[in-house]
Amino acid sequence: MNISWGTEHEKRGFLHLISGEGISALKQVAMYSRDARPRVLAWILACIMLYYYIALGGNSGMLAMIGAALSLGAAIITLLVLEPAGRFWKLAWPGLAGLALLNVIAALPRWYNAPWDFLAPDLYSFGMIRLFAATAFMLAGSWVGYRRSGLRNCLLGLVLAGVVDIILGLVLRQFDPIHVWGLSKGINLFRFTGTLLNANASACLFGVTAILATGTLQDSLRYPVRSGIRTIVPLLMIAVTVLAIGACAITGSRTALLLTVITIATMLVRDSVTRRLIMNPQGILVGGGVTLMLATILLAVGSATFDRVSFLGGDLLERVAIWSRYAEVARDAPLLGYGPASFVEINNLAMRTPSDARLLWYVNSPHNFVLSLLLEHGWMFITALAITALLITVPIFAGYRGMAKNPVQISAIAACLFILLCGSIDIALDVPAVTMLFALLAGLLWGQNIRHRTHSVSNEVRQSIATPRLRV
């Protein structure tokens, strides 16, 4: 019986496969497949954020619980799949301890008081689950950010999620300008709210999309000139940035639009690669064309924001009055606050006179994230949060010199600061979608910083081993 071994080419291919080179190639394929896990998980986290975007920002009980379940599930999967190394836990334990302390303090009222002492005892579990989900989502982001290219892949996913959200919001507005998914916009009836019911929260999300797209644009400019990425990605990111700024302009949010433009301008000016490209004749033409296009779009559709500039003085006085009123209410429960998710009852408690009712009847948030946390959780939580923030952010900014040339990291930091500024004078951080986005970005930066610190320690160890020592 004759056995056919195939053609000569097939024989050589088989021999190559069983040789040392073939086995080495298979190992490289296996390593690539293993490295693909952070990329897949990064996109899963971005898809969860897309859910929050299109599900009214998760700003209702059922939608928020679905988002919390997705976030907790993603954190568990990320932990099991990536299996963070022991070095991660050694460097991350101060921040982990701070996060654990935050959740314990938030749960203290359940042990300290009877359930009927809360203003909203039926919403206590709901508020705690939201806090657990945000913590888990931040941890998932840190585990992805700890892996190579995890931050870059996740930010790209967030940019695409933001584009889908903007386009979907524009389509919904075209078919029904006064409703979102069949729900009335209320006082935001004549403003663009995207897929949310609040224009200012939507503007914050659009601004983050523009900022992250700018960082991705700057990152793509660092590829070789002949690379296809250098040609396609910058054009796409420029289009996304213009689209997001235009969407932010038609929301009527003055703060978000101003902060978006200032942040992007600062990112472009401080980056040496961008400055060098802009100073070229071709860069001047492209930059001038983009600026002219953006100015045209703002003049065409930005009347929703520009018309509200004249009301700035009156709105500011009203905002200060709201902050003062809720600060008085917070003084009555300074230690542990009134309980998680209890703002609706807090607002009813604050309306003691007809003048209070005229001021606060439409308010769904204190319009300041510190004041909101103070009302619901008290000074113990605020203090623990400040300590935890320092434990996590100080190492990040301590290594700023090393990351100053990385536009992806800079864009993530800029987006976090942008969200904090929006949440300081507006409703942004009281919307679950914005809260979860901030938690994810903070976690990604945290994990990326731990990765850099781990590698720097490893390099120091290698150098100390390689350096010959003199015997004394």
Foldseek 3Di string as FASTA:
>chain_A
DDDDPDDPVSVVVVVCCPDPNNVVVVVVVVVVVLLCVLLVLLLLLLVLLLLCLQVQNCPDQVSVVVSLVSLLVSLVVLCVSLVDDPLLCVLCVVLVVLLVVLLVLQCVCVVVDPLVLFLCSVCQVSQSSLSVSLQSLLQSLLSSLLRPCSLVSNLVSNLVSLVVQLVQLVVQCVVPVQDAVNHGLPPLRQFRCRSHSALLQSLLSLLLSLLSLLLQLLQQCPDDPPDPSVVPSNVVSLVSNLSSLLSSLRRQDQLSNVLSVVLSVVLQVLAPSSVVQCPDPVNVVVVVVSVVVSVVSCVVRNCSNVVCVVCVVVVVVLLVVLLVLLVVLLVVPAAFANHGPNVVSSLVVSCPDPVSCVSRVPDPANLAVVSRCSRHGHDVSVVSVVSSCCSQCVLLVVCCVVCVNNSSLVSLVSSLVSQNVSSGRGCNCVRSSSSSSNSSSSSSSSSNSSSVVVVVVVVVVVVVVPDDDDDD
